[in-house]
Amino acid sequence: MLKARLIYLFLIVVTVIVGLVSREPSSAVVPLFVGDILWGLAVFLLMRFIFIAKPLSFIVIISIIYAYATELSQLYSAPWIDHLRQTFFGKVMLGETFFLGDIASYTIGIGLGVLVELSLRTLVRTMYPQAD
C-alpha cells in the first residue's frame, strides 16, 4: 500500500504543478479547459490516495460527487465565501464562477484518472490486493 500511495502522491504533485503552470498568463496558448481537466484528474488521484483500498467504482463516484459539488457550490454567494474565493487557495480549491462546461472537463479528467489507474494496474499488479 505504501508503494501505491507514493506513486499517487507523485502523480498528484505532477498534476498540480502542470495544472498551475497551465493557468499562468504566460501560457495563454493552453486553453482554460485543460486546467479544468487536470483539476478533475487531481481530484481522482487525491481520492485514490486517501481511499487506496477502495474499489475503482467507489473512487470514481466519490470523485464525481466532490468535483460536481465544488462546481455547484459556486452558485452560492456570500461575503465570507466570495472573499475566500479571491485567495489563491480559494481559486484553486473552490473556483470562482459556475460554468457548466467545467463539469464536462472534470468528468474527462476523472476518466483520464481511470485510464491512469488501469495503466498502473497493468504495470504494478501487486499494488492492488483485490480486484474491482
N, C-alpha and C. Protein backbone atom coordinates (compact mmCIF):
# COMPACT_ATOMS: atom_id res chain seq x y z
N MET A 1 0.81 -1.21 0.00
CA MET A 1 0.00 0.00 0.00
C MET A 1 0.85 1.26 0.00
N LEU A 2 1.98 1.22 0.72
CA LEU A 2 2.84 2.40 0.77
C LEU A 2 3.39 2.74 -0.61
N LYS A 3 3.77 1.71 -1.36
CA LYS A 3 4.28 1.93 -2.71
C LYS A 3 3.21 2.62 -3.57
N ALA A 4 1.99 2.14 -3.47
CA ALA A 4 0.89 2.73 -4.24
C ALA A 4 0.65 4.17 -3.83
N ARG A 5 0.64 4.44 -2.53
CA ARG A 5 0.42 5.81 -2.06
C ARG A 5 1.51 6.75 -2.56
N LEU A 6 2.75 6.28 -2.55
CA LEU A 6 3.85 7.12 -3.03
C LEU A 6 3.70 7.42 -4.52
N ILE A 7 3.27 6.44 -5.28
CA ILE A 7 3.04 6.66 -6.72
C ILE A 7 1.94 7.69 -6.91
N TYR A 8 0.84 7.56 -6.17
CA TYR A 8 -0.25 8.53 -6.29
C TYR A 8 0.15 9.91 -5.80
N LEU A 9 0.94 9.98 -4.74
CA LEU A 9 1.42 11.27 -4.26
C LEU A 9 2.26 11.95 -5.34
N PHE A 10 3.15 11.21 -5.97
CA PHE A 10 3.96 11.75 -7.05
C PHE A 10 3.08 12.25 -8.19
N LEU A 11 2.08 11.45 -8.58
CA LEU A 11 1.19 11.85 -9.67
C LEU A 11 0.37 13.09 -9.31
N ILE A 12 -0.05 13.19 -8.05
CA ILE A 12 -0.80 14.38 -7.60
C ILE A 12 0.08 15.62 -7.73
N VAL A 13 1.31 15.54 -7.24
CA VAL A 13 2.22 16.68 -7.29
C VAL A 13 2.48 17.11 -8.73
N VAL A 14 2.75 16.15 -9.60
CA VAL A 14 3.00 16.46 -11.01
C VAL A 14 1.76 17.10 -11.64
N THR A 15 0.59 16.53 -11.38
CA THR A 15 -0.65 17.05 -11.95
C THR A 15 -0.93 18.48 -11.47
N VAL A 16 -0.72 18.73 -10.19
CA VAL A 16 -0.95 20.07 -9.64
C VAL A 16 0.01 21.07 -10.27
N ILE A 17 1.28 20.70 -10.38
CA ILE A 17 2.27 21.61 -10.97
C ILE A 17 1.91 21.93 -12.42
N VAL A 18 1.59 20.90 -13.20
CA VAL A 18 1.22 21.12 -14.61
C VAL A 18 -0.05 21.96 -14.69
N GLY A 19 -1.01 21.68 -13.80
CA GLY A 19 -2.25 22.45 -13.79
C GLY A 19 -2.03 23.91 -13.46
N LEU A 20 -1.18 24.19 -12.48
CA LEU A 20 -0.89 25.58 -12.13
C LEU A 20 -0.14 26.30 -13.25
N VAL A 21 0.79 25.60 -13.88
CA VAL A 21 1.52 26.20 -15.00
C VAL A 21 0.56 26.50 -16.15
N SER A 22 -0.42 25.63 -16.35
CA SER A 22 -1.37 25.85 -17.45
C SER A 22 -2.23 27.09 -17.23
N ARG A 23 -2.32 27.56 -16.00
CA ARG A 23 -3.13 28.75 -15.67
C ARG A 23 -2.34 30.04 -15.67
N GLU A 24 -1.03 29.96 -15.84
CA GLU A 24 -0.19 31.15 -15.85
C GLU A 24 -0.53 32.00 -17.08
N PRO A 25 -0.54 33.31 -16.92
CA PRO A 25 -0.81 34.19 -18.08
C PRO A 25 0.18 33.98 -19.22
N SER A 26 1.40 33.61 -18.90
CA SER A 26 2.40 33.40 -19.95
C SER A 26 2.10 32.17 -20.79
N SER A 27 1.23 31.29 -20.26
CA SER A 27 0.88 30.08 -21.02
C SER A 27 -0.50 30.25 -21.64
N ALA A 28 -0.77 31.42 -22.19
CA ALA A 28 -2.07 31.73 -22.79
C ALA A 28 -2.38 30.83 -23.98
N VAL A 29 -1.39 30.09 -24.43
CA VAL A 29 -1.59 29.18 -25.55
C VAL A 29 -2.44 27.98 -25.13
N VAL A 30 -2.39 27.64 -23.83
CA VAL A 30 -3.11 26.48 -23.32
C VAL A 30 -4.56 26.89 -23.04
N PRO A 31 -5.53 26.20 -23.64
CA PRO A 31 -6.94 26.53 -23.37
C PRO A 31 -7.28 26.32 -21.89
N LEU A 32 -8.21 27.13 -21.38
CA LEU A 32 -8.58 27.05 -19.96
C LEU A 32 -9.12 25.69 -19.56
N PHE A 33 -9.80 25.01 -20.48
CA PHE A 33 -10.40 23.73 -20.11
C PHE A 33 -9.34 22.67 -19.77
N VAL A 34 -8.11 22.85 -20.24
CA VAL A 34 -7.04 21.90 -19.91
C VAL A 34 -6.78 21.91 -18.40
N GLY A 35 -6.77 23.09 -17.81
CA GLY A 35 -6.60 23.20 -16.36
C GLY A 35 -7.74 22.53 -15.61
N ASP A 36 -8.96 22.65 -16.14
CA ASP A 36 -10.12 22.01 -15.51
C ASP A 36 -10.04 20.49 -15.62
N ILE A 37 -9.57 20.00 -16.74
CA ILE A 37 -9.37 18.55 -16.90
C ILE A 37 -8.33 18.07 -15.90
N LEU A 38 -7.25 18.82 -15.76
CA LEU A 38 -6.21 18.44 -14.81
C LEU A 38 -6.72 18.51 -13.38
N TRP A 39 -7.61 19.46 -13.09
CA TRP A 39 -8.21 19.54 -11.75
C TRP A 39 -9.03 18.28 -11.48
N GLY A 40 -9.81 17.85 -12.46
CA GLY A 40 -10.58 16.61 -12.31
C GLY A 40 -9.67 15.41 -12.09
N LEU A 41 -8.57 15.37 -12.83
CA LEU A 41 -7.59 14.29 -12.66
C LEU A 41 -6.99 14.34 -11.26
N ALA A 42 -6.65 15.54 -10.78
CA ALA A 42 -6.08 15.68 -9.44
C ALA A 42 -7.07 15.22 -8.36
N VAL A 43 -8.35 15.53 -8.55
CA VAL A 43 -9.37 15.07 -7.60
C VAL A 43 -9.40 13.54 -7.57
N PHE A 44 -9.40 12.92 -8.75
CA PHE A 44 -9.39 11.46 -8.81
C PHE A 44 -8.16 10.89 -8.10
N LEU A 45 -6.99 11.43 -8.39
CA LEU A 45 -5.76 10.92 -7.78
C LEU A 45 -5.76 11.12 -6.27
N LEU A 46 -6.28 12.26 -5.81
CA LEU A 46 -6.36 12.52 -4.39
C LEU A 46 -7.30 11.53 -3.71
N MET A 47 -8.44 11.26 -4.33
CA MET A 47 -9.39 10.30 -3.75
C MET A 47 -8.77 8.90 -3.71
N ARG A 48 -8.03 8.55 -4.73
CA ARG A 48 -7.37 7.24 -4.73
C ARG A 48 -6.30 7.19 -3.64
N PHE A 49 -5.58 8.30 -3.47
CA PHE A 49 -4.56 8.37 -2.42
C PHE A 49 -5.19 8.19 -1.05
N ILE A 50 -6.31 8.85 -0.81
CA ILE A 50 -6.98 8.78 0.50
C ILE A 50 -7.63 7.41 0.71
N PHE A 51 -8.33 6.93 -0.30
CA PHE A 51 -9.08 5.67 -0.19
C PHE A 51 -8.39 4.58 -1.01
N ILE A 52 -7.15 4.31 -0.69
CA ILE A 52 -6.30 3.44 -1.50
C ILE A 52 -6.85 2.02 -1.66
N ALA A 53 -7.55 1.51 -0.67
CA ALA A 53 -8.01 0.12 -0.73
C ALA A 53 -9.43 -0.02 -1.26
N LYS A 54 -10.07 1.08 -1.56
CA LYS A 54 -11.46 1.02 -2.04
C LYS A 54 -11.49 0.64 -3.52
N PRO A 55 -12.60 0.07 -3.96
CA PRO A 55 -12.74 -0.30 -5.38
C PRO A 55 -12.73 0.94 -6.29
N LEU A 56 -12.35 0.72 -7.52
CA LEU A 56 -12.29 1.80 -8.51
C LEU A 56 -13.64 2.49 -8.66
N SER A 57 -14.71 1.73 -8.64
CA SER A 57 -16.04 2.32 -8.79
C SER A 57 -16.33 3.32 -7.66
N PHE A 58 -15.90 3.02 -6.45
CA PHE A 58 -16.06 3.95 -5.32
C PHE A 58 -15.29 5.23 -5.58
N ILE A 59 -14.05 5.09 -6.06
CA ILE A 59 -13.20 6.25 -6.32
C ILE A 59 -13.83 7.15 -7.38
N VAL A 60 -14.36 6.55 -8.43
CA VAL A 60 -14.99 7.32 -9.49
C VAL A 60 -16.20 8.08 -8.95
N ILE A 61 -17.04 7.39 -8.20
CA ILE A 61 -18.26 8.02 -7.67
C ILE A 61 -17.92 9.15 -6.71
N ILE A 62 -17.00 8.91 -5.78
CA ILE A 62 -16.66 9.95 -4.80
C ILE A 62 -15.96 11.13 -5.48
N SER A 63 -15.19 10.87 -6.51
CA SER A 63 -14.52 11.94 -7.26
C SER A 63 -15.55 12.81 -7.99
N ILE A 64 -16.50 12.16 -8.62
CA ILE A 64 -17.55 12.90 -9.34
C ILE A 64 -18.39 13.73 -8.37
N ILE A 65 -18.75 13.14 -7.25
CA ILE A 65 -19.54 13.87 -6.26
C ILE A 65 -18.77 15.10 -5.78
N TYR A 66 -17.50 14.92 -5.45
CA TYR A 66 -16.69 16.05 -4.97
C TYR A 66 -16.54 17.13 -6.04
N ALA A 67 -16.20 16.72 -7.25
CA ALA A 67 -15.98 17.69 -8.33
C ALA A 67 -17.26 18.45 -8.66
N TYR A 68 -18.36 17.72 -8.81
CA TYR A 68 -19.62 18.38 -9.15
C TYR A 68 -20.09 19.28 -8.01
N ALA A 69 -19.94 18.81 -6.77
CA ALA A 69 -20.36 19.63 -5.62
C ALA A 69 -19.55 20.91 -5.54
N THR A 70 -18.26 20.81 -5.85
CA THR A 70 -17.41 22.00 -5.84
C THR A 70 -17.89 23.00 -6.89
N GLU A 71 -18.20 22.51 -8.08
CA GLU A 71 -18.67 23.41 -9.14
C GLU A 71 -20.04 24.00 -8.78
N LEU A 72 -20.94 23.16 -8.28
CA LEU A 72 -22.27 23.65 -7.92
C LEU A 72 -22.22 24.63 -6.75
N SER A 73 -21.22 24.47 -5.88
CA SER A 73 -21.10 25.39 -4.75
C SER A 73 -20.81 26.81 -5.21
N GLN A 74 -20.34 26.96 -6.43
CA GLN A 74 -20.04 28.28 -6.96
C GLN A 74 -21.32 29.08 -7.25
N LEU A 75 -22.44 28.41 -7.24
CA LEU A 75 -23.72 29.10 -7.38
C LEU A 75 -24.10 29.83 -6.09
N TYR A 76 -23.49 29.42 -4.99
CA TYR A 76 -23.73 30.05 -3.69
C TYR A 76 -22.84 31.27 -3.54
N SER A 77 -23.43 32.36 -3.09
CA SER A 77 -22.66 33.58 -2.91
C SER A 77 -22.96 34.17 -1.54
N ALA A 78 -21.90 34.38 -0.80
CA ALA A 78 -21.98 35.08 0.49
C ALA A 78 -20.63 35.78 0.67
N PRO A 79 -20.61 36.86 1.42
CA PRO A 79 -19.35 37.60 1.56
C PRO A 79 -18.17 36.73 2.01
N TRP A 80 -18.39 35.85 2.98
CA TRP A 80 -17.28 35.05 3.51
C TRP A 80 -16.69 34.11 2.46
N ILE A 81 -17.56 33.47 1.66
CA ILE A 81 -17.04 32.52 0.67
C ILE A 81 -16.54 33.26 -0.56
N ASP A 82 -17.13 34.38 -0.89
CA ASP A 82 -16.63 35.18 -2.01
C ASP A 82 -15.23 35.70 -1.69
N HIS A 83 -15.01 36.10 -0.44
CA HIS A 83 -13.68 36.55 -0.03
C HIS A 83 -12.68 35.39 -0.11
N LEU A 84 -13.10 34.22 0.33
CA LEU A 84 -12.23 33.04 0.27
C LEU A 84 -11.88 32.69 -1.18
N ARG A 85 -12.85 32.83 -2.07
CA ARG A 85 -12.62 32.52 -3.50
C ARG A 85 -11.65 33.49 -4.16
N GLN A 86 -11.41 34.63 -3.54
CA GLN A 86 -10.46 35.60 -4.10
C GLN A 86 -9.02 35.28 -3.71
N THR A 87 -8.82 34.35 -2.78
CA THR A 87 -7.46 33.94 -2.40
C THR A 87 -6.97 32.87 -3.37
N PHE A 88 -5.68 32.66 -3.39
CA PHE A 88 -5.10 31.63 -4.26
C PHE A 88 -5.69 30.26 -3.95
N PHE A 89 -5.70 29.90 -2.66
CA PHE A 89 -6.25 28.61 -2.23
C PHE A 89 -7.72 28.49 -2.62
N GLY A 90 -8.47 29.54 -2.41
CA GLY A 90 -9.90 29.52 -2.74
C GLY A 90 -10.14 29.34 -4.23
N LYS A 91 -9.34 30.01 -5.05
CA LYS A 91 -9.48 29.86 -6.51
C LYS A 91 -9.19 28.43 -6.94
N VAL A 92 -8.13 27.86 -6.37
CA VAL A 92 -7.72 26.51 -6.77
C VAL A 92 -8.71 25.46 -6.27
N MET A 93 -9.15 25.57 -5.02
CA MET A 93 -9.99 24.54 -4.43
C MET A 93 -11.49 24.74 -4.69
N LEU A 94 -11.93 25.97 -4.76
CA LEU A 94 -13.36 26.24 -4.88
C LEU A 94 -13.78 26.80 -6.23
N GLY A 95 -12.83 27.34 -6.97
CA GLY A 95 -13.17 28.00 -8.22
C GLY A 95 -13.76 29.37 -7.95
N GLU A 96 -14.06 30.08 -9.04
CA GLU A 96 -14.57 31.43 -8.87
C GLU A 96 -16.01 31.58 -9.35
N THR A 97 -16.31 31.06 -10.53
CA THR A 97 -17.65 31.21 -11.09
C THR A 97 -18.13 29.88 -11.65
N PHE A 98 -19.43 29.68 -11.58
CA PHE A 98 -20.03 28.46 -12.10
C PHE A 98 -20.01 28.47 -13.62
N PHE A 99 -19.61 27.35 -14.20
CA PHE A 99 -19.63 27.18 -15.64
C PHE A 99 -19.94 25.72 -15.92
N LEU A 100 -21.03 25.48 -16.62
CA LEU A 100 -21.48 24.11 -16.87
C LEU A 100 -20.42 23.29 -17.62
N GLY A 101 -19.66 23.95 -18.49
CA GLY A 101 -18.62 23.25 -19.23
C GLY A 101 -17.53 22.67 -18.33
N ASP A 102 -17.34 23.27 -17.14
CA ASP A 102 -16.34 22.74 -16.20
C ASP A 102 -16.70 21.33 -15.76
N ILE A 103 -17.99 21.06 -15.62
CA ILE A 103 -18.42 19.72 -15.20
C ILE A 103 -17.98 18.70 -16.24
N ALA A 104 -18.11 19.03 -17.51
CA ALA A 104 -17.65 18.12 -18.57
C ALA A 104 -16.13 17.93 -18.48
N SER A 105 -15.39 19.01 -18.23
CA SER A 105 -13.94 18.91 -18.10
C SER A 105 -13.54 18.05 -16.91
N TYR A 106 -14.23 18.21 -15.79
CA TYR A 106 -13.93 17.40 -14.60
C TYR A 106 -14.19 15.93 -14.90
N THR A 107 -15.28 15.66 -15.61
CA THR A 107 -15.61 14.28 -15.96
C THR A 107 -14.53 13.67 -16.85
N ILE A 108 -14.04 14.44 -17.79
CA ILE A 108 -12.95 13.97 -18.67
C ILE A 108 -11.70 13.71 -17.83
N GLY A 109 -11.39 14.61 -16.90
CA GLY A 109 -10.23 14.44 -16.03
C GLY A 109 -10.33 13.20 -15.17
N ILE A 110 -11.52 12.94 -14.64
CA ILE A 110 -11.73 11.74 -13.83
C ILE A 110 -11.61 10.50 -14.72
N GLY A 111 -12.14 10.57 -15.94
CA GLY A 111 -11.97 9.47 -16.90
C GLY A 111 -10.51 9.23 -17.22
N LEU A 112 -9.74 10.30 -17.34
CA LEU A 112 -8.30 10.17 -17.55
C LEU A 112 -7.66 9.49 -16.34
N GLY A 113 -8.14 9.81 -15.17
CA GLY A 113 -7.66 9.16 -13.95
C GLY A 113 -7.92 7.66 -13.97
N VAL A 114 -9.08 7.27 -14.48
CA VAL A 114 -9.39 5.84 -14.60
C VAL A 114 -8.39 5.18 -15.54
N LEU A 115 -8.06 5.85 -16.64
CA LEU A 115 -7.07 5.29 -17.57
C LEU A 115 -5.70 5.17 -16.90
N VAL A 116 -5.32 6.17 -16.11
CA VAL A 116 -4.07 6.10 -15.36
C VAL A 116 -4.10 4.91 -14.41
N GLU A 117 -5.21 4.79 -13.71
CA GLU A 117 -5.39 3.68 -12.76
C GLU A 117 -5.25 2.33 -13.44
N LEU A 118 -5.91 2.16 -14.56
CA LEU A 118 -5.85 0.88 -15.27
C LEU A 118 -4.44 0.63 -15.81
N SER A 119 -3.75 1.66 -16.23
CA SER A 119 -2.36 1.52 -16.68
C SER A 119 -1.46 1.11 -15.52
N LEU A 120 -1.67 1.73 -14.36
CA LEU A 120 -0.87 1.37 -13.19
C LEU A 120 -1.12 -0.07 -12.78
N ARG A 121 -2.34 -0.50 -12.88
CA ARG A 121 -2.65 -1.89 -12.53
C ARG A 121 -1.91 -2.86 -13.42
N THR A 122 -1.81 -2.52 -14.68
CA THR A 122 -1.10 -3.37 -15.63
C THR A 122 0.38 -3.40 -15.28
N LEU A 123 0.93 -2.25 -14.90
CA LEU A 123 2.36 -2.17 -14.60
C LEU A 123 2.72 -2.74 -13.24
N VAL A 124 1.88 -2.50 -12.25
CA VAL A 124 2.21 -2.90 -10.88
C VAL A 124 1.02 -3.62 -10.25
N ARG A 125 0.84 -4.86 -10.57
CA ARG A 125 -0.31 -5.63 -10.06
C ARG A 125 -0.28 -5.81 -8.56
N THR A 126 0.89 -5.81 -7.96
CA THR A 126 0.99 -6.01 -6.52
C THR A 126 0.42 -4.87 -5.71
N MET A 127 0.17 -3.73 -6.34
CA MET A 127 -0.40 -2.58 -5.63
C MET A 127 -1.84 -2.85 -5.22
N TYR A 128 -2.48 -3.77 -5.90
CA TYR A 128 -3.92 -3.96 -5.70
C TYR A 128 -4.20 -5.39 -5.27
N PRO A 129 -4.34 -5.61 -3.98
CA PRO A 129 -4.57 -6.96 -3.48
C PRO A 129 -5.94 -7.53 -3.87
N GLN A 130 -6.89 -6.66 -4.16
CA GLN A 130 -8.22 -7.13 -4.52
C GLN A 130 -8.62 -6.57 -5.87
N ALA A 131 -9.40 -7.33 -6.60
CA ALA A 131 -9.88 -6.87 -7.89
C ALA A 131 -11.19 -6.12 -7.70
N ASP A 132 -11.44 -5.14 -8.57
CA ASP A 132 -12.70 -4.39 -8.51
C ASP A 132 -13.77 -5.15 -9.24
